[in-house]
Amino acid sequence: MDARLIYAGNAVVDIVLAVPALPERGGDVMATATEITPGGGFNVMAAAARQGLRVAYAGAHGTGPFGDRVRAAMRDEGIAILCPAKPGVDTGFAVSAVDAGGERTFLTSRGAEAALTLADLAAVRPGPRDVVAVSGYGMMHPSNREALSGWLPSLGDEVPVVVDPGPLVHLLGDDARGLLLARADWWTCNAREAASVTGEDDPAAAAAALARLTGRRGVLVRTGRDGCVLVRRGEVPLHVPGFTVHAVDTNGAGDAHTGVFVAALAAGADPLEAARVANAGAALAVAARGPATAPRAADLARFLAARPAAPS
């Protein structure tokens, strides 16, 4: 059977507002554009699916207009839905304000995606070629944390787990963060998140520290337009250069990076090439407006063909 990404994170709706700048406290600002679109973990899944990887959503989702919108988007991307909808509660949403420089700020309202249970996950059994991905966002919700804390340790060591801790990693308790670190085959985060976990402001030093904490396959620390730092188990940090594009919206860039990286690994790429491809996927994502702007496989291939890798 072909490889599959099983995503046990949270798919929500993003309400994206383009603004000249964030208002001061108590102030107001008029948005220049507004978009309502599936986001959160949907971005990771869509990025992987657009590279041709089979994807299945193992997270919770609700009934109501937001739940309907997320499910429709997943169907459009060919993403399988493994758990039934939660009755009587809608899927949650995040308000994302994107300023003129492309930086985004989030306000999140929880919904059905925060009500995952161990019973929901009981029937989710990864196959021999599957990859499981989880997000630190899920560990912020008590029900999800209990479910994932029971399910992740039950996975065999042969099942690779990719962890993206998210920007709220500093709010995770020691037990939750320790569980994710212990089970992560690949830990992928941005430089700010890496510093929050390790206390190291230098991305390479933070990546090396994370690699010592996880001890499995490796670590990626995303450094924006500079690319990322890759540490494979037992090796020194390696800077993987990024690609220069005109960034118009950084919303979803990290998700695109993660989804493309997982898809490249599943297709047989070595971690260095997978990281380079992920950098390209993130570059194309920030060159378009919206949270789920990861490229299709053909577009990514054309982009990379015009920018051959430097000799290693």
C-alpha atoms as a PDB file:
ATOM      1  CA  MET A   1       0.000   0.000   0.000  1.00  0.00           C
ATOM      2  CA  ASP A   2       1.200   3.541  -0.758  1.00  0.00           C
ATOM      3  CA  ALA A   3       2.521   5.728   2.039  1.00  0.00           C
ATOM      4  CA  ARG A   4       0.015   7.884   3.877  1.00  0.00           C
ATOM      5  CA  LEU A   5       0.151  10.889   6.195  1.00  0.00           C
ATOM      6  CA  ILE A   6      -2.163  10.473   9.177  1.00  0.00           C
ATOM      7  CA  TYR A   7      -2.711  13.902  10.688  1.00  0.00           C
ATOM      8  CA  ALA A   8      -3.842  13.889  14.319  1.00  0.00           C
ATOM      9  CA  GLY A   9      -3.841  17.668  14.734  1.00  0.00           C
ATOM     10  CA  ASN A  10      -6.559  20.299  14.463  1.00  0.00           C
ATOM     11  CA  ALA A  11      -8.222  21.557  11.281  1.00  0.00           C
ATOM     12  CA  VAL A  12     -10.079  24.839  11.836  1.00  0.00           C
ATOM     13  CA  VAL A  13     -11.397  27.794   9.863  1.00  0.00           C
ATOM     14  CA  ASP A  14      -9.182  30.833   9.340  1.00  0.00           C
ATOM     15  CA  ILE A  15     -10.790  34.274   9.131  1.00  0.00           C
ATOM     16  CA  VAL A  16      -7.980  36.206   7.464  1.00  0.00           C
ATOM     17  CA  LEU A  17      -7.939  40.007   7.598  1.00  0.00           C
ATOM     18  CA  ALA A  18      -5.403  42.007   5.595  1.00  0.00           C
ATOM     19  CA  VAL A  19      -4.585  45.182   7.549  1.00  0.00           C
ATOM     20  CA  PRO A  20      -2.090  48.028   7.071  1.00  0.00           C
ATOM     21  CA  ALA A  21      -0.873  47.473  10.659  1.00  0.00           C
ATOM     22  CA  LEU A  22      -2.226  46.108  13.914  1.00  0.00           C
ATOM     23  CA  PRO A  23      -4.152  48.697  15.961  1.00  0.00           C
ATOM     24  CA  GLU A  24      -2.961  49.962  19.301  1.00  0.00           C
ATOM     25  CA  ARG A  25      -4.672  48.533  22.380  1.00  0.00           C
ATOM     26  CA  GLY A  26      -8.303  49.699  22.362  1.00  0.00           C
ATOM     27  CA  GLY A  27      -7.951  50.960  18.790  1.00  0.00           C
ATOM     28  CA  ASP A  28      -9.466  49.968  15.468  1.00  0.00           C
ATOM     29  CA  VAL A  29      -8.249  49.470  11.933  1.00  0.00           C
ATOM     30  CA  MET A  30     -10.080  48.825   8.681  1.00  0.00           C
ATOM     31  CA  ALA A  31      -9.176  45.617   6.858  1.00  0.00           C
ATOM     32  CA  THR A  32      -8.347  45.972   3.186  1.00  0.00           C
ATOM     33  CA  ALA A  33      -9.398  42.392   2.395  1.00  0.00           C
ATOM     34  CA  THR A  34     -11.074  39.482   4.176  1.00  0.00           C
ATOM     35  CA  GLU A  35     -11.065  35.762   3.457  1.00  0.00           C
ATOM     36  CA  ILE A  36     -12.727  32.858   5.277  1.00  0.00           C
ATOM     37  CA  THR A  37     -10.912  29.607   4.541  1.00  0.00           C
ATOM     38  CA  PRO A  38      -9.974  26.283   6.149  1.00  0.00           C
ATOM     39  CA  GLY A  39      -6.713  26.535   8.056  1.00  0.00           C
ATOM     40  CA  GLY A  40      -4.762  25.199  11.002  1.00  0.00           C
ATOM     41  CA  GLY A  41      -3.772  21.600  10.374  1.00  0.00           C
ATOM     42  CA  PHE A  42      -5.624  21.675   7.057  1.00  0.00           C
ATOM     43  CA  ASN A  43      -2.657  23.598   5.656  1.00  0.00           C
ATOM     44  CA  VAL A  44      -0.230  20.767   6.500  1.00  0.00           C
ATOM     45  CA  MET A  45      -2.530  18.158   4.995  1.00  0.00           C
ATOM     46  CA  ALA A  46      -3.195  20.145   1.824  1.00  0.00           C
ATOM     47  CA  ALA A  47       0.530  20.779   1.337  1.00  0.00           C
ATOM     48  CA  ALA A  48       1.273  17.058   1.536  1.00  0.00           C
ATOM     49  CA  ALA A  49      -1.708  16.040  -0.597  1.00  0.00           C
ATOM     50  CA  ARG A  50      -0.705  18.474  -3.350  1.00  0.00           C
ATOM     51  CA  GLN A  51       2.596  16.611  -3.618  1.00  0.00           C
ATOM     52  CA  GLY A  52       0.724  13.378  -4.312  1.00  0.00           C
ATOM     53  CA  LEU A  53       0.886  11.862  -0.818  1.00  0.00           C
ATOM     54  CA  ARG A  54      -2.226  10.107   0.474  1.00  0.00           C
ATOM     55  CA  VAL A  55      -3.525  12.007   3.525  1.00  0.00           C
ATOM     56  CA  ALA A  56      -6.045  11.111   6.236  1.00  0.00           C
ATOM     57  CA  TYR A  57      -7.401  13.383   8.976  1.00  0.00           C
ATOM     58  CA  ALA A  58      -7.601  11.711  12.389  1.00  0.00           C
ATOM     59  CA  GLY A  59      -8.575  14.854  14.288  1.00  0.00           C
ATOM     60  CA  ALA A  60     -11.983  15.913  15.592  1.00  0.00           C
ATOM     61  CA  HIS A  61     -14.410  18.106  13.646  1.00  0.00           C
ATOM     62  CA  GLY A  62     -17.854  19.527  14.310  1.00  0.00           C
ATOM     63  CA  THR A  63     -21.275  19.997  12.841  1.00  0.00           C
ATOM     64  CA  GLY A  64     -22.254  23.441  11.638  1.00  0.00           C
ATOM     65  CA  PRO A  65     -21.087  25.832   8.903  1.00  0.00           C
ATOM     66  CA  PHE A  66     -17.404  25.860   9.838  1.00  0.00           C
ATOM     67  CA  GLY A  67     -17.279  22.059  10.102  1.00  0.00           C
ATOM     68  CA  ASP A  68     -19.014  21.775   6.731  1.00  0.00           C
ATOM     69  CA  ARG A  69     -16.504  24.155   5.170  1.00  0.00           C
ATOM     70  CA  VAL A  70     -13.496  22.240   6.484  1.00  0.00           C
ATOM     71  CA  ARG A  71     -14.873  18.867   5.383  1.00  0.00           C
ATOM     72  CA  ALA A  72     -15.655  20.197   1.906  1.00  0.00           C
ATOM     73  CA  ALA A  73     -12.114  21.534   1.572  1.00  0.00           C
ATOM     74  CA  MET A  74     -10.638  18.215   2.676  1.00  0.00           C
ATOM     75  CA  ARG A  75     -12.762  16.358   0.147  1.00  0.00           C
ATOM     76  CA  ASP A  76     -11.585  18.758  -2.578  1.00  0.00           C
ATOM     77  CA  GLU A  77      -7.958  17.947  -1.698  1.00  0.00           C
ATOM     78  CA  GLY A  78      -8.619  14.200  -1.600  1.00  0.00           C
ATOM     79  CA  ILE A  79      -8.071  13.988   2.166  1.00  0.00           C
ATOM     80  CA  ALA A  80      -9.820  11.078   3.905  1.00  0.00           C
ATOM     81  CA  ILE A  81     -11.730  11.797   7.135  1.00  0.00           C
ATOM     82  CA  LEU A  82     -11.299   9.034   9.712  1.00  0.00           C
ATOM     83  CA  CYS A  83     -13.516  10.176  12.620  1.00  0.00           C
ATOM     84  CA  PRO A  84     -17.232  11.097  12.577  1.00  0.00           C
ATOM     85  CA  ALA A  85     -18.315  14.682  13.270  1.00  0.00           C
ATOM     86  CA  LYS A  86     -18.984  15.708  16.869  1.00  0.00           C
ATOM     87  CA  PRO A  87     -22.734  16.423  17.239  1.00  0.00           C
ATOM     88  CA  GLY A  88     -23.946  19.716  18.647  1.00  0.00           C
ATOM     89  CA  VAL A  89     -20.718  21.701  18.314  1.00  0.00           C
ATOM     90  CA  ASP A  90     -19.091  23.435  15.367  1.00  0.00           C
ATOM     91  CA  THR A  91     -15.443  23.436  14.343  1.00  0.00           C
ATOM     92  CA  GLY A  92     -13.455  26.325  15.839  1.00  0.00           C
ATOM     93  CA  PHE A  93     -11.841  29.252  14.078  1.00  0.00           C
ATOM     94  CA  ALA A  94      -8.832  31.554  14.180  1.00  0.00           C
ATOM     95  CA  VAL A  95      -8.820  35.229  13.289  1.00  0.00           C
ATOM     96  CA  SER A  96      -5.562  36.004  11.478  1.00  0.00           C
ATOM     97  CA  ALA A  97      -4.500  39.625  10.978  1.00  0.00           C
ATOM     98  CA  VAL A  98      -1.875  39.939   8.236  1.00  0.00           C
ATOM     99  CA  ASP A  99      -0.056  43.289   8.187  1.00  0.00           C
ATOM    100  CA  ALA A 100       1.531  45.109   5.248  1.00  0.00           C
ATOM    101  CA  GLY A 101       4.847  43.347   5.874  1.00  0.00           C
ATOM    102  CA  GLY A 102       3.253  39.914   5.563  1.00  0.00           C
ATOM    103  CA  GLU A 103       3.497  39.082   9.292  1.00  0.00           C
ATOM    104  CA  ARG A 104       0.469  37.423  10.880  1.00  0.00           C
ATOM    105  CA  THR A 105      -1.112  37.587  14.333  1.00  0.00           C
ATOM    106  CA  PHE A 106      -3.682  35.038  15.542  1.00  0.00           C
ATOM    107  CA  LEU A 107      -6.704  35.009  17.857  1.00  0.00           C
ATOM    108  CA  THR A 108      -8.182  31.512  18.251  1.00  0.00           C
ATOM    109  CA  SER A 109     -11.606  30.263  19.353  1.00  0.00           C
ATOM    110  CA  ARG A 110     -11.811  26.550  20.178  1.00  0.00           C
ATOM    111  CA  GLY A 111     -14.523  24.217  18.883  1.00  0.00           C
ATOM    112  CA  ALA A 112     -15.028  20.515  18.186  1.00  0.00           C
ATOM    113  CA  GLU A 113     -11.380  20.067  17.178  1.00  0.00           C
ATOM    114  CA  ALA A 114     -10.537  20.496  20.872  1.00  0.00           C
ATOM    115  CA  ALA A 115     -12.692  17.494  21.877  1.00  0.00           C
ATOM    116  CA  LEU A 116     -10.667  14.571  20.485  1.00  0.00           C
ATOM    117  CA  THR A 117     -10.889  11.402  22.615  1.00  0.00           C
ATOM    118  CA  LEU A 118      -8.908   8.200  22.902  1.00  0.00           C
ATOM    119  CA  ALA A 119     -12.014   6.383  21.636  1.00  0.00           C
ATOM    120  CA  ASP A 120     -11.834   8.484  18.453  1.00  0.00           C
ATOM    121  CA  LEU A 121      -8.260   7.336  17.887  1.00  0.00           C
ATOM    122  CA  ALA A 122      -8.805   3.687  18.827  1.00  0.00           C
ATOM    123  CA  ALA A 123      -9.642   2.709  15.248  1.00  0.00           C
ATOM    124  CA  VAL A 124      -6.778   4.729  13.722  1.00  0.00           C
ATOM    125  CA  ARG A 125      -4.068   2.164  13.063  1.00  0.00           C
ATOM    126  CA  PRO A 126      -1.127   3.367  10.964  1.00  0.00           C
ATOM    127  CA  GLY A 127       0.145   0.994   8.311  1.00  0.00           C
ATOM    128  CA  PRO A 128       3.788   0.011   7.753  1.00  0.00           C
ATOM    129  CA  ARG A 129       4.510   2.953   5.425  1.00  0.00           C
ATOM    130  CA  ASP A 130       2.387   5.585   7.156  1.00  0.00           C
ATOM    131  CA  VAL A 131       3.663   8.752   8.829  1.00  0.00           C
ATOM    132  CA  VAL A 132       1.826  10.293  11.798  1.00  0.00           C
ATOM    133  CA  ALA A 133       1.899  14.066  12.335  1.00  0.00           C
ATOM    134  CA  VAL A 134       0.772  15.923  15.454  1.00  0.00           C
ATOM    135  CA  SER A 135       0.778  19.539  16.566  1.00  0.00           C
ATOM    136  CA  GLY A 136       1.434  21.150  19.901  1.00  0.00           C
ATOM    137  CA  TYR A 137      -1.899  22.931  19.495  1.00  0.00           C
ATOM    138  CA  GLY A 138      -3.660  19.648  20.220  1.00  0.00           C
ATOM    139  CA  MET A 139      -1.809  19.270  23.500  1.00  0.00           C
ATOM    140  CA  MET A 140      -3.232  22.613  24.634  1.00  0.00           C
ATOM    141  CA  HIS A 141      -6.722  21.085  24.901  1.00  0.00           C
ATOM    142  CA  PRO A 142      -7.287  18.747  27.891  1.00  0.00           C
ATOM    143  CA  SER A 143      -9.328  16.171  25.957  1.00  0.00           C
ATOM    144  CA  ASN A 144      -6.876  16.060  23.045  1.00  0.00           C
ATOM    145  CA  ARG A 145      -3.910  15.912  25.401  1.00  0.00           C
ATOM    146  CA  GLU A 146      -5.389  12.899  27.198  1.00  0.00           C
ATOM    147  CA  ALA A 147      -6.208  11.197  23.881  1.00  0.00           C
ATOM    148  CA  LEU A 148      -2.792  11.771  22.315  1.00  0.00           C
ATOM    149  CA  SER A 149      -1.003  10.858  25.555  1.00  0.00           C
ATOM    150  CA  GLY A 150      -2.676   7.469  25.418  1.00  0.00           C
ATOM    151  CA  TRP A 151      -2.407   6.921  21.651  1.00  0.00           C
ATOM    152  CA  LEU A 152       1.100   8.076  20.726  1.00  0.00           C
ATOM    153  CA  PRO A 153       2.944   5.673  23.084  1.00  0.00           C
ATOM    154  CA  SER A 154       0.889   2.811  21.615  1.00  0.00           C
ATOM    155  CA  LEU A 155       2.389   3.351  18.152  1.00  0.00           C
ATOM    156  CA  GLY A 156       5.179   0.992  17.246  1.00  0.00           C
ATOM    157  CA  ASP A 157       8.687   2.369  16.891  1.00  0.00           C
ATOM    158  CA  GLU A 158       8.487   1.631  13.169  1.00  0.00           C
ATOM    159  CA  VAL A 159       5.828   4.357  12.762  1.00  0.00           C
ATOM    160  CA  PRO A 160       7.561   7.712  12.226  1.00  0.00           C
ATOM    161  CA  VAL A 161       5.995  10.626  14.087  1.00  0.00           C
ATOM    162  CA  VAL A 162       6.444  14.244  12.978  1.00  0.00           C
ATOM    163  CA  VAL A 163       5.848  16.890  15.647  1.00  0.00           C
ATOM    164  CA  ASP A 164       5.318  20.605  15.027  1.00  0.00           C
ATOM    165  CA  PRO A 165       4.952  22.131  18.513  1.00  0.00           C
ATOM    166  CA  GLY A 166       3.468  25.430  17.311  1.00  0.00           C
ATOM    167  CA  PRO A 167       3.845  28.941  18.720  1.00  0.00           C
ATOM    168  CA  LEU A 168       2.252  28.070  22.073  1.00  0.00           C
ATOM    169  CA  VAL A 169       4.908  25.492  22.938  1.00  0.00           C
ATOM    170  CA  HIS A 170       6.003  27.617  25.895  1.00  0.00           C
ATOM    171  CA  LEU A 171       2.559  27.075  27.444  1.00  0.00           C
ATOM    172  CA  LEU A 172       2.711  23.272  27.267  1.00  0.00           C
ATOM    173  CA  GLY A 173       3.320  21.572  30.575  1.00  0.00           C
ATOM    174  CA  ASP A 174       6.469  19.545  31.134  1.00  0.00           C
ATOM    175  CA  ASP A 175       4.594  16.253  30.747  1.00  0.00           C
ATOM    176  CA  ALA A 176       3.015  17.184  27.414  1.00  0.00           C
ATOM    177  CA  ARG A 177       6.207  18.651  26.003  1.00  0.00           C
ATOM    178  CA  GLY A 178       8.194  15.664  27.257  1.00  0.00           C
ATOM    179  CA  LEU A 179       5.805  13.224  25.590  1.00  0.00           C
ATOM    180  CA  LEU A 180       6.151  14.991  22.238  1.00  0.00           C
ATOM    181  CA  LEU A 181       9.933  15.200  22.487  1.00  0.00           C
ATOM    182  CA  ALA A 182      10.216  11.546  23.455  1.00  0.00           C
ATOM    183  CA  ARG A 183       8.082  10.286  20.549  1.00  0.00           C
ATOM    184  CA  ALA A 184       9.143  12.711  17.795  1.00  0.00           C
ATOM    185  CA  ASP A 185      11.095  11.068  15.008  1.00  0.00           C
ATOM    186  CA  TRP A 186      11.174  14.488  13.331  1.00  0.00           C
ATOM    187  CA  TRP A 187      10.707  17.698  15.318  1.00  0.00           C
ATOM    188  CA  THR A 188      10.035  20.722  13.112  1.00  0.00           C
ATOM    189  CA  CYS A 189       9.527  24.264  14.381  1.00  0.00           C
ATOM    190  CA  ASN A 190      10.569  27.854  13.756  1.00  0.00           C
ATOM    191  CA  ALA A 191      13.500  29.584  15.402  1.00  0.00           C
ATOM    192  CA  ARG A 192      11.369  31.334  18.016  1.00  0.00           C
ATOM    193  CA  GLU A 193       9.778  28.057  19.100  1.00  0.00           C
ATOM    194  CA  ALA A 194      13.157  26.331  19.178  1.00  0.00           C
ATOM    195  CA  ALA A 195      14.522  29.063  21.436  1.00  0.00           C
ATOM    196  CA  SER A 196      11.500  28.762  23.713  1.00  0.00           C
ATOM    197  CA  VAL A 197      12.138  25.052  24.267  1.00  0.00           C
ATOM    198  CA  THR A 198      15.939  25.125  24.518  1.00  0.00           C
ATOM    199  CA  GLY A 199      16.862  28.636  25.692  1.00  0.00           C
ATOM    200  CA  GLU A 200      19.233  28.889  22.701  1.00  0.00           C
ATOM    201  CA  ASP A 201      18.734  31.985  20.543  1.00  0.00           C
ATOM    202  CA  ASP A 202      21.031  30.761  17.776  1.00  0.00           C
ATOM    203  CA  PRO A 203      18.973  28.469  15.478  1.00  0.00           C
ATOM    204  CA  ALA A 204      21.859  26.037  14.909  1.00  0.00           C
ATOM    205  CA  ALA A 205      22.533  25.735  18.624  1.00  0.00           C
ATOM    206  CA  ALA A 206      18.816  25.334  19.309  1.00  0.00           C
ATOM    207  CA  ALA A 207      18.528  22.642  16.629  1.00  0.00           C
ATOM    208  CA  ALA A 208      21.463  20.740  18.115  1.00  0.00           C
ATOM    209  CA  ALA A 209      19.903  20.963  21.582  1.00  0.00           C
ATOM    210  CA  LEU A 210      16.559  19.710  20.253  1.00  0.00           C
ATOM    211  CA  ALA A 211      18.296  16.807  18.522  1.00  0.00           C
ATOM    212  CA  ARG A 212      19.752  15.784  21.873  1.00  0.00           C
ATOM    213  CA  LEU A 213      16.299  15.969  23.458  1.00  0.00           C
ATOM    214  CA  THR A 214      14.507  13.922  20.802  1.00  0.00           C
ATOM    215  CA  GLY A 215      17.220  11.400  19.994  1.00  0.00           C
ATOM    216  CA  ARG A 216      15.370   9.842  17.053  1.00  0.00           C
ATOM    217  CA  ARG A 217      15.744  10.776  13.364  1.00  0.00           C
ATOM    218  CA  GLY A 218      16.284  14.505  13.342  1.00  0.00           C
ATOM    219  CA  VAL A 219      15.242  18.116  13.780  1.00  0.00           C
ATOM    220  CA  LEU A 220      14.320  20.988  11.480  1.00  0.00           C
ATOM    221  CA  VAL A 221      14.400  24.595  12.671  1.00  0.00           C
ATOM    222  CA  ARG A 222      12.842  26.959  10.148  1.00  0.00           C
ATOM    223  CA  THR A 223      14.569  30.329   9.763  1.00  0.00           C
ATOM    224  CA  GLY A 224      12.216  32.151   7.397  1.00  0.00           C
ATOM    225  CA  ARG A 225      13.697  33.411   4.151  1.00  0.00           C
ATOM    226  CA  ASP A 226      17.088  31.973   5.166  1.00  0.00           C
ATOM    227  CA  GLY A 227      15.706  28.428   4.899  1.00  0.00           C
ATOM    228  CA  CYS A 228      16.149  26.030   7.784  1.00  0.00           C
ATOM    229  CA  VAL A 229      18.661  24.222   9.966  1.00  0.00           C
ATOM    230  CA  LEU A 230      18.712  20.439   9.667  1.00  0.00           C
ATOM    231  CA  VAL A 231      20.190  18.093  12.248  1.00  0.00           C
ATOM    232  CA  ARG A 232      20.180  14.399  11.473  1.00  0.00           C
ATOM    233  CA  ARG A 233      20.703  11.993  14.343  1.00  0.00           C
ATOM    234  CA  GLY A 234      24.351  11.921  15.391  1.00  0.00           C
ATOM    235  CA  GLU A 235      25.355  14.726  12.995  1.00  0.00           C
ATOM    236  CA  VAL A 236      26.148  18.430  13.299  1.00  0.00           C
ATOM    237  CA  PRO A 237      23.651  21.164  12.334  1.00  0.00           C
ATOM    238  CA  LEU A 238      23.508  21.948   8.616  1.00  0.00           C
ATOM    239  CA  HIS A 239      22.113  25.165   7.158  1.00  0.00           C
ATOM    240  CA  VAL A 240      19.821  24.475   4.192  1.00  0.00           C
ATOM    241  CA  PRO A 241      19.474  27.740   2.225  1.00  0.00           C
ATOM    242  CA  GLY A 242      16.081  29.167   1.399  1.00  0.00           C
ATOM    243  CA  PHE A 243      14.817  30.799  -1.789  1.00  0.00           C
ATOM    244  CA  THR A 244      14.336  34.495  -2.461  1.00  0.00           C
ATOM    245  CA  VAL A 245      10.761  35.452  -3.339  1.00  0.00           C
ATOM    246  CA  HIS A 246       8.551  38.480  -2.789  1.00  0.00           C
ATOM    247  CA  ALA A 247       6.659  37.548   0.389  1.00  0.00           C
ATOM    248  CA  VAL A 248       3.100  38.833   0.572  1.00  0.00           C
ATOM    249  CA  ASP A 249       1.669  36.591   3.329  1.00  0.00           C
ATOM    250  CA  THR A 250       3.597  34.387   5.770  1.00  0.00           C
ATOM    251  CA  ASN A 251       0.379  32.773   7.037  1.00  0.00           C
ATOM    252  CA  GLY A 252       0.701  28.997   6.632  1.00  0.00           C
ATOM    253  CA  ALA A 253       4.357  29.034   5.578  1.00  0.00           C
ATOM    254  CA  GLY A 254       5.461  26.710   8.357  1.00  0.00           C
ATOM    255  CA  ASP A 255       2.580  24.353   7.622  1.00  0.00           C
ATOM    256  CA  ALA A 256       3.528  24.265   3.947  1.00  0.00           C
ATOM    257  CA  HIS A 257       7.122  23.518   4.928  1.00  0.00           C
ATOM    258  CA  THR A 258       6.058  20.623   7.143  1.00  0.00           C
ATOM    259  CA  GLY A 259       3.627  19.101   4.650  1.00  0.00           C
ATOM    260  CA  VAL A 260       6.078  19.265   1.757  1.00  0.00           C
ATOM    261  CA  PHE A 261       8.904  17.874   3.930  1.00  0.00           C
ATOM    262  CA  VAL A 262       6.817  14.869   4.974  1.00  0.00           C
ATOM    263  CA  ALA A 263       5.721  14.233   1.383  1.00  0.00           C
ATOM    264  CA  ALA A 264       9.312  14.385   0.133  1.00  0.00           C
ATOM    265  CA  LEU A 265      10.480  11.931   2.790  1.00  0.00           C
ATOM    266  CA  ALA A 266       7.594   9.592   1.974  1.00  0.00           C
ATOM    267  CA  ALA A 267       8.573   9.738  -1.703  1.00  0.00           C
ATOM    268  CA  GLY A 268      12.078   8.530  -0.824  1.00  0.00           C
ATOM    269  CA  ALA A 269      14.076  11.770  -0.640  1.00  0.00           C
ATOM    270  CA  ASP A 270      16.909  11.924   1.861  1.00  0.00           C
ATOM    271  CA  PRO A 271      16.391  14.444   4.690  1.00  0.00           C
ATOM    272  CA  LEU A 272      18.702  17.075   3.142  1.00  0.00           C
ATOM    273  CA  GLU A 273      16.865  17.056  -0.187  1.00  0.00           C
ATOM    274  CA  ALA A 274      13.508  16.920   1.609  1.00  0.00           C
ATOM    275  CA  ALA A 275      14.476  20.028   3.601  1.00  0.00           C
ATOM    276  CA  ARG A 276      15.493  21.848   0.413  1.00  0.00           C
ATOM    277  CA  VAL A 277      12.203  20.927  -1.264  1.00  0.00           C
ATOM    278  CA  ALA A 278      10.332  22.069   1.853  1.00  0.00           C
ATOM    279  CA  ASN A 279      12.138  25.418   1.726  1.00  0.00           C
ATOM    280  CA  ALA A 280      10.956  25.822  -1.856  1.00  0.00           C
ATOM    281  CA  GLY A 281       7.406  24.879  -0.921  1.00  0.00           C
ATOM    282  CA  ALA A 282       7.374  27.469   1.865  1.00  0.00           C
ATOM    283  CA  ALA A 283       8.830  30.115  -0.465  1.00  0.00           C
ATOM    284  CA  LEU A 284       6.050  29.585  -2.990  1.00  0.00           C
ATOM    285  CA  ALA A 285       3.487  29.608  -0.182  1.00  0.00           C
ATOM    286  CA  VAL A 286       4.513  33.054   1.096  1.00  0.00           C
ATOM    287  CA  ALA A 287       4.428  34.460  -2.441  1.00  0.00           C
ATOM    288  CA  ALA A 288       0.636  34.028  -2.512  1.00  0.00           C
ATOM    289  CA  ARG A 289      -2.068  35.345  -0.194  1.00  0.00           C
ATOM    290  CA  GLY A 290      -3.965  32.972   2.069  1.00  0.00           C
ATOM    291  CA  PRO A 291      -3.111  30.270   4.601  1.00  0.00           C
ATOM    292  CA  ALA A 292      -3.374  27.187   2.353  1.00  0.00           C
ATOM    293  CA  THR A 293      -1.131  28.298  -0.512  1.00  0.00           C
ATOM    294  CA  ALA A 294       1.315  25.395  -0.681  1.00  0.00           C
ATOM    295  CA  PRO A 295       2.135  24.657  -4.339  1.00  0.00           C
ATOM    296  CA  ARG A 296       1.039  21.752  -6.480  1.00  0.00           C
ATOM    297  CA  ALA A 297       3.714  19.189  -7.294  1.00  0.00           C
ATOM    298  CA  ALA A 298       4.152  20.388 -10.889  1.00  0.00           C
ATOM    299  CA  ASP A 299       4.597  24.030  -9.841  1.00  0.00           C
ATOM    300  CA  LEU A 300       7.117  23.066  -7.169  1.00  0.00           C
ATOM    301  CA  ALA A 301       9.049  20.930  -9.638  1.00  0.00           C
ATOM    302  CA  ARG A 302       9.259  23.819 -12.134  1.00  0.00           C
ATOM    303  CA  PHE A 303      10.425  26.180  -9.385  1.00  0.00           C
ATOM    304  CA  LEU A 304      13.168  23.797  -8.295  1.00  0.00           C
ATOM    305  CA  ALA A 305      14.242  22.989 -11.858  1.00  0.00           C
ATOM    306  CA  ALA A 306      15.012  26.672 -12.390  1.00  0.00           C
ATOM    307  CA  ARG A 307      17.098  26.752  -9.205  1.00  0.00           C
ATOM    308  CA  PRO A 308      19.467  23.758  -9.171  1.00  0.00           C
ATOM    309  CA  ALA A 309      20.970  22.817  -5.841  1.00  0.00           C
ATOM    310  CA  ALA A 310      24.514  23.912  -5.118  1.00  0.00           C
ATOM    311  CA  PRO A 311      27.070  21.084  -4.908  1.00  0.00           C
ATOM    312  CA  SER A 312      27.255  19.698  -1.380  1.00  0.00           C
END
